[in-house]
């Protein structure tokens, strides 16, 4: 059974929590600045193309062939033999 009044109470409660978190965010901008001003963030090193390829794709297995590719492999063989290819 559905209780609309319960849904309304939950919705009002959630909206009140959202308003409170927004108000807290507006009140404390100085604290956020102090936290980020402690020290500079270390810069990330960019990987070259070779490093990206070797780390992510070298150990991954290939995906299995789809039905279309299996069909095309067979069709290609028959087409070449029929058309002197």
C-alpha atoms as a PDB file:
ATOM      1  CA  UNK A   1       0.000   0.000   0.000  1.00  0.00           C
ATOM      2  CA  UNK A   2       1.285   3.424  -0.897  1.00  0.00           C
ATOM      3  CA  UNK A   3       1.397   6.199   1.672  1.00  0.00           C
ATOM      4  CA  UNK A   4       1.536   9.633   0.055  1.00  0.00           C
ATOM      5  CA  UNK A   5       1.929  11.492   3.326  1.00  0.00           C
ATOM      6  CA  UNK A   6       5.033   9.456   4.141  1.00  0.00           C
ATOM      7  CA  UNK A   7       6.509  10.275   0.730  1.00  0.00           C
ATOM      8  CA  UNK A   8       5.798  13.956   1.290  1.00  0.00           C
ATOM      9  CA  UNK A   9       7.510  13.889   4.696  1.00  0.00           C
ATOM     10  CA  UNK A  10      10.574  12.181   3.238  1.00  0.00           C
ATOM     11  CA  UNK A  11      10.732  14.657   0.359  1.00  0.00           C
ATOM     12  CA  UNK A  12      10.484  17.665   2.721  1.00  0.00           C
ATOM     13  CA  UNK A  13      13.192  16.194   4.946  1.00  0.00           C
ATOM     14  CA  UNK A  14      15.531  15.614   1.999  1.00  0.00           C
ATOM     15  CA  UNK A  15      14.939  19.116   0.660  1.00  0.00           C
ATOM     16  CA  UNK A  16      15.727  20.559   4.101  1.00  0.00           C
ATOM     17  CA  UNK A  17      19.004  18.600   4.192  1.00  0.00           C
ATOM     18  CA  UNK A  18      19.957  19.895   0.742  1.00  0.00           C
ATOM     19  CA  UNK A  19      19.247  23.478   1.787  1.00  0.00           C
ATOM     20  CA  UNK A  20      21.336  23.025   4.946  1.00  0.00           C
ATOM     21  CA  UNK A  21      24.331  21.659   3.045  1.00  0.00           C
ATOM     22  CA  UNK A  22      24.145  24.524   0.568  1.00  0.00           C
ATOM     23  CA  UNK A  23      23.990  27.025   3.424  1.00  0.00           C
ATOM     24  CA  UNK A  24      27.002  25.395   5.083  1.00  0.00           C
ATOM     25  CA  UNK A  25      28.929  25.586   1.834  1.00  0.00           C
ATOM     26  CA  UNK A  26      28.185  29.305   1.539  1.00  0.00           C
ATOM     27  CA  UNK A  27      29.191  30.029   5.139  1.00  0.00           C
ATOM     28  CA  UNK A  28      32.626  28.386   5.001  1.00  0.00           C
ATOM     29  CA  UNK A  29      34.440  29.496   1.847  1.00  0.00           C
ATOM     30  CA  UNK A  30      37.424  30.753   3.887  1.00  0.00           C
ATOM     31  CA  UNK A  31      37.982  27.327   5.415  1.00  0.00           C
ATOM     32  CA  UNK A  32      38.036  25.721   1.999  1.00  0.00           C
ATOM     33  CA  UNK A  33      40.672  28.165   0.792  1.00  0.00           C
ATOM     34  CA  UNK A  34      42.857  27.495   3.831  1.00  0.00           C
ATOM     35  CA  UNK A  35      42.711  23.759   3.258  1.00  0.00           C
ATOM     36  CA  UNK A  36      43.857  24.064  -0.346  1.00  0.00           C
ATOM     37  CA  UNK A  37      46.535  26.635   0.426  1.00  0.00           C
ATOM     38  CA  UNK A  38      48.542  24.224   2.629  1.00  0.00           C
ATOM     39  CA  UNK A  39      50.820  23.201  -0.193  1.00  0.00           C
ATOM     40  CA  UNK A  40      50.962  22.994  -3.948  1.00  0.00           C
ATOM     41  CA  UNK A  41      49.624  19.846  -5.511  1.00  0.00           C
ATOM     42  CA  UNK A  42      52.227  17.730  -7.272  1.00  0.00           C
ATOM     43  CA  UNK A  43      51.874  17.806 -11.022  1.00  0.00           C
ATOM     44  CA  UNK A  44      50.999  14.591 -12.774  1.00  0.00           C
ATOM     45  CA  UNK A  45      53.400  13.330 -15.338  1.00  0.00           C
ATOM     46  CA  UNK A  46      51.884  12.768 -18.744  1.00  0.00           C
ATOM     47  CA  UNK A  47      52.528   9.393 -20.288  1.00  0.00           C
ATOM     48  CA  UNK A  48      53.802   9.204 -23.828  1.00  0.00           C
ATOM     49  CA  UNK A  49      51.831   7.268 -26.419  1.00  0.00           C
ATOM     50  CA  UNK A  50      54.165   4.258 -26.112  1.00  0.00           C
ATOM     51  CA  UNK A  51      53.710   4.097 -22.344  1.00  0.00           C
ATOM     52  CA  UNK A  52      49.921   4.350 -22.642  1.00  0.00           C
ATOM     53  CA  UNK A  53      49.707   1.554 -25.180  1.00  0.00           C
ATOM     54  CA  UNK A  54      52.144  -0.770 -23.490  1.00  0.00           C
ATOM     55  CA  UNK A  55      50.623  -0.504 -20.031  1.00  0.00           C
ATOM     56  CA  UNK A  56      46.971  -0.843 -20.960  1.00  0.00           C
ATOM     57  CA  UNK A  57      46.790  -3.044 -24.050  1.00  0.00           C
ATOM     58  CA  UNK A  58      49.748  -5.405 -23.896  1.00  0.00           C
ATOM     59  CA  UNK A  59      48.275  -7.854 -21.378  1.00  0.00           C
ATOM     60  CA  UNK A  60      44.638  -7.696 -22.424  1.00  0.00           C
ATOM     61  CA  UNK A  61      43.230 -10.588 -24.436  1.00  0.00           C
ATOM     62  CA  UNK A  62      41.457  -9.804 -27.693  1.00  0.00           C
ATOM     63  CA  UNK A  63      37.705  -9.931 -27.822  1.00  0.00           C
ATOM     64  CA  UNK A  64      36.130 -12.901 -29.584  1.00  0.00           C
ATOM     65  CA  UNK A  65      35.013 -12.428 -33.178  1.00  0.00           C
ATOM     66  CA  UNK A  66      31.422 -11.399 -33.738  1.00  0.00           C
ATOM     67  CA  UNK A  67      29.104 -13.439 -35.939  1.00  0.00           C
ATOM     68  CA  UNK A  68      29.558 -10.958 -38.802  1.00  0.00           C
ATOM     69  CA  UNK A  69      33.346 -11.322 -38.809  1.00  0.00           C
ATOM     70  CA  UNK A  70      33.111 -15.116 -38.722  1.00  0.00           C
ATOM     71  CA  UNK A  71      30.724 -14.976 -41.684  1.00  0.00           C
ATOM     72  CA  UNK A  72      32.963 -12.544 -43.588  1.00  0.00           C
ATOM     73  CA  UNK A  73      36.040 -14.742 -43.092  1.00  0.00           C
ATOM     74  CA  UNK A  74      34.227 -17.684 -44.692  1.00  0.00           C
ATOM     75  CA  UNK A  75      32.616 -15.556 -47.388  1.00  0.00           C
ATOM     76  CA  UNK A  76      35.930 -13.931 -48.262  1.00  0.00           C
ATOM     77  CA  UNK A  77      37.498 -17.334 -48.943  1.00  0.00           C
ATOM     78  CA  UNK A  78      34.661 -18.451 -51.202  1.00  0.00           C
ATOM     79  CA  UNK A  79      34.492 -15.106 -52.990  1.00  0.00           C
ATOM     80  CA  UNK A  80      38.227 -15.160 -53.764  1.00  0.00           C
ATOM     81  CA  UNK A  81      38.060 -18.667 -55.193  1.00  0.00           C
ATOM     82  CA  UNK A  82      35.036 -17.859 -57.358  1.00  0.00           C
ATOM     83  CA  UNK A  83      36.469 -14.616 -58.699  1.00  0.00           C
ATOM     84  CA  UNK A  84      40.064 -15.770 -59.233  1.00  0.00           C
ATOM     85  CA  UNK A  85      41.369 -13.597 -56.474  1.00  0.00           C
END
